[in-house]
Amino acid sequence: MFCIVILSNRWSQIRRPPIPLGSVKIEKVDENELEALAKFYRQHNAEAWIPMQLKVGPYYCVKQDGKIVSAAGVHVVTPQIAQLGNIVTDEAYRNRGYATACTSVLATDLASKGRIISLFVRTDNYSAMRVYEKLGFRKVREVVFLVLKKKNL
């Protein structure tokens, strides 16, 4: 089961992460880094990632030794709404505030343009829910998703 969490469109309501952003270098991913981003998501089984999403809206990342170790982006962006997604941190780099920092920068960027920010999160993904709550997101409702996979014949 998933829950929908939403943040108001007032970018000033996005809470700063508990770590100073200055201590974490957040980079906006550009089209030249598409293959590196795609490789990162493949390695981390990000089922919702497709490369065209980099053209839909911004993606931000943290790198260590030139390698992406955390990233956050979007599924959908309209003039009114942005749905965040593909928020992933390599297991070896967790609990350092990277996902919080990437998500904060992403949400601030999108909300500063007047968009309502939303995302879906699995109800059993407690660490992700803590990140979103730190940033001011609140649960709106729970929904059930039915995932259909094409059977190879």
Protein backbone atom coordinates (compact mmCIF):
# COMPACT_ATOMS: atom_id res chain seq x y z
CA MET A 1 0.00 0.00 0.00
CA PHE A 2 1.14 3.55 -0.68
CA CYS A 3 0.26 6.83 0.91
CA ILE A 4 0.11 10.18 -0.81
CA VAL A 5 1.99 12.94 0.91
CA ILE A 6 1.72 16.54 -0.12
CA LEU A 7 3.34 19.86 0.62
CA SER A 8 1.74 23.24 0.16
CA ASN A 9 2.78 25.32 -2.83
CA ARG A 10 4.36 27.88 -0.52
CA TRP A 11 8.07 27.19 -0.92
CA SER A 12 8.78 29.04 2.29
CA GLN A 13 7.07 26.13 4.13
CA ILE A 14 9.69 23.64 3.00
CA ARG A 15 11.81 23.01 6.04
CA ARG A 16 15.52 23.08 5.73
CA PRO A 17 17.17 19.71 6.26
CA PRO A 18 18.70 19.06 9.68
CA ILE A 19 22.19 19.22 8.18
CA PRO A 20 23.54 22.44 6.68
CA LEU A 21 23.31 22.22 2.90
CA GLY A 22 26.77 23.73 2.73
CA SER A 23 28.22 20.49 4.05
CA VAL A 24 26.62 18.49 1.22
CA LYS A 25 27.19 19.45 -2.41
CA ILE A 26 23.92 19.08 -4.30
CA GLU A 27 24.25 19.12 -8.08
CA LYS A 28 21.56 19.52 -10.70
CA VAL A 29 21.78 16.62 -13.14
CA ASP A 30 22.10 17.69 -16.76
CA GLU A 31 21.50 15.74 -19.96
CA ASN A 32 25.21 14.89 -20.25
CA GLU A 33 24.82 12.79 -17.09
CA LEU A 34 21.79 10.82 -18.27
CA GLU A 35 23.71 7.56 -18.61
CA ALA A 36 25.27 7.90 -15.14
CA LEU A 37 21.84 8.61 -13.63
CA ALA A 38 20.26 5.70 -15.52
CA LYS A 39 23.06 3.39 -14.32
CA PHE A 40 22.54 4.55 -10.72
CA TYR A 41 18.80 3.82 -10.91
CA ARG A 42 19.35 0.43 -12.58
CA GLN A 43 21.81 -0.56 -9.84
CA HIS A 44 19.22 0.35 -7.22
CA ASN A 45 16.21 -1.29 -8.90
CA ALA A 46 14.31 1.98 -9.26
CA GLU A 47 11.34 0.50 -11.10
CA ALA A 48 9.63 3.85 -11.71
CA TRP A 49 12.64 5.44 -13.46
CA ILE A 50 12.65 5.94 -17.21
CA PRO A 51 15.25 8.14 -18.92
CA MET A 52 12.70 10.55 -20.42
CA GLN A 53 11.92 11.74 -16.87
CA LEU A 54 15.06 13.86 -16.95
CA LYS A 55 13.31 15.94 -19.63
CA VAL A 56 10.09 16.18 -17.58
CA GLY A 57 11.68 18.10 -14.74
CA PRO A 58 14.78 18.60 -12.64
CA TYR A 59 16.86 15.94 -10.94
CA TYR A 60 19.38 16.66 -8.21
CA CYS A 61 22.13 14.41 -6.88
CA VAL A 62 25.01 13.98 -4.46
CA LYS A 63 28.24 12.53 -5.81
CA GLN A 64 31.16 10.89 -4.07
CA ASP A 65 34.36 10.44 -6.06
CA GLY A 66 32.48 11.44 -9.20
CA LYS A 67 29.82 8.76 -8.73
CA ILE A 68 26.13 9.46 -8.01
CA VAL A 69 25.28 8.13 -4.54
CA SER A 70 21.93 9.84 -3.98
CA ALA A 71 19.36 11.37 -6.33
CA ALA A 72 15.89 12.87 -6.36
CA GLY A 73 13.71 13.89 -9.27
CA VAL A 74 10.19 13.99 -10.61
CA HIS A 75 7.58 11.78 -12.21
CA VAL A 76 5.27 14.56 -13.39
CA VAL A 77 5.50 18.35 -13.60
CA THR A 78 2.70 20.68 -14.67
CA PRO A 79 2.42 24.42 -14.10
CA GLN A 80 0.36 23.68 -10.96
CA ILE A 81 1.73 20.41 -9.56
CA ALA A 82 5.01 18.52 -9.31
CA GLN A 83 5.14 14.89 -8.23
CA LEU A 84 8.51 13.97 -6.79
CA GLY A 85 9.89 10.52 -7.37
CA ASN A 86 12.93 8.34 -7.82
CA ILE A 87 14.37 9.47 -4.49
CA VAL A 88 17.13 6.94 -3.88
CA THR A 89 20.34 6.76 -1.85
CA ASP A 90 22.93 4.03 -2.17
CA GLU A 91 22.81 1.88 0.95
CA ALA A 92 26.48 2.57 1.78
CA TYR A 93 25.74 6.32 1.94
CA ARG A 94 22.50 6.34 3.93
CA ASN A 95 21.94 8.23 7.18
CA ARG A 96 24.11 11.14 6.06
CA GLY A 97 21.24 13.44 5.07
CA TYR A 98 21.79 13.08 1.32
CA ALA A 99 18.18 12.16 0.41
CA THR A 100 16.89 14.90 2.69
CA ALA A 101 19.18 17.47 1.09
CA CYS A 102 18.40 16.40 -2.51
CA THR A 103 14.66 16.35 -1.83
CA SER A 104 14.78 19.74 -0.08
CA VAL A 105 16.58 21.40 -2.99
CA LEU A 106 14.25 19.74 -5.52
CA ALA A 107 11.05 20.64 -3.66
CA THR A 108 12.24 24.22 -3.06
CA ASP A 109 13.06 24.63 -6.75
CA LEU A 110 9.65 23.37 -7.88
CA ALA A 111 7.57 25.08 -5.17
CA SER A 112 9.28 28.43 -5.77
CA LYS A 113 7.52 28.41 -9.15
CA GLY A 114 4.13 28.12 -7.42
CA ARG A 115 3.63 24.37 -7.73
CA ILE A 116 2.00 22.09 -5.18
CA ILE A 117 4.51 19.37 -4.38
CA SER A 118 3.37 15.77 -3.93
CA LEU A 119 4.79 12.29 -3.87
CA PHE A 120 3.86 8.68 -3.22
CA VAL A 121 5.68 6.54 -0.69
CA ARG A 122 5.22 2.94 0.36
CA THR A 123 3.58 2.72 3.76
CA ASP A 124 6.36 0.37 4.93
CA ASN A 125 9.16 2.75 3.85
CA TYR A 126 9.61 4.34 7.27
CA SER A 127 13.00 5.94 6.58
CA ALA A 128 11.65 7.73 3.51
CA MET A 129 8.58 8.91 5.41
CA ARG A 130 10.85 10.39 8.10
CA VAL A 131 12.77 12.30 5.41
CA TYR A 132 9.56 13.74 3.97
CA GLU A 133 8.16 14.64 7.39
CA LYS A 134 11.40 16.50 8.24
CA LEU A 135 10.82 18.63 5.16
CA GLY A 136 7.24 19.47 6.05
CA PHE A 137 5.32 16.95 3.97
CA ARG A 138 2.14 15.56 5.46
CA LYS A 139 0.14 12.43 4.73
CA VAL A 140 -3.06 13.07 2.81
CA ARG A 141 -4.42 9.55 2.30
CA GLU A 142 -3.51 5.95 1.64
CA VAL A 143 -4.15 4.37 -1.74
CA VAL A 144 -3.71 0.90 -3.17
CA PHE A 145 -1.79 0.46 -6.39
CA LEU A 146 -2.21 -2.56 -8.59
CA VAL A 147 1.01 -3.32 -10.44
CA LEU A 148 0.62 -5.40 -13.58
CA LYS A 149 3.64 -6.94 -15.21
CA LYS A 150 3.70 -8.29 -18.70
CA LYS A 151 4.33 -12.01 -18.73
CA ASN A 152 7.05 -13.13 -21.13
CA LEU A 153 5.71 -15.83 -23.37
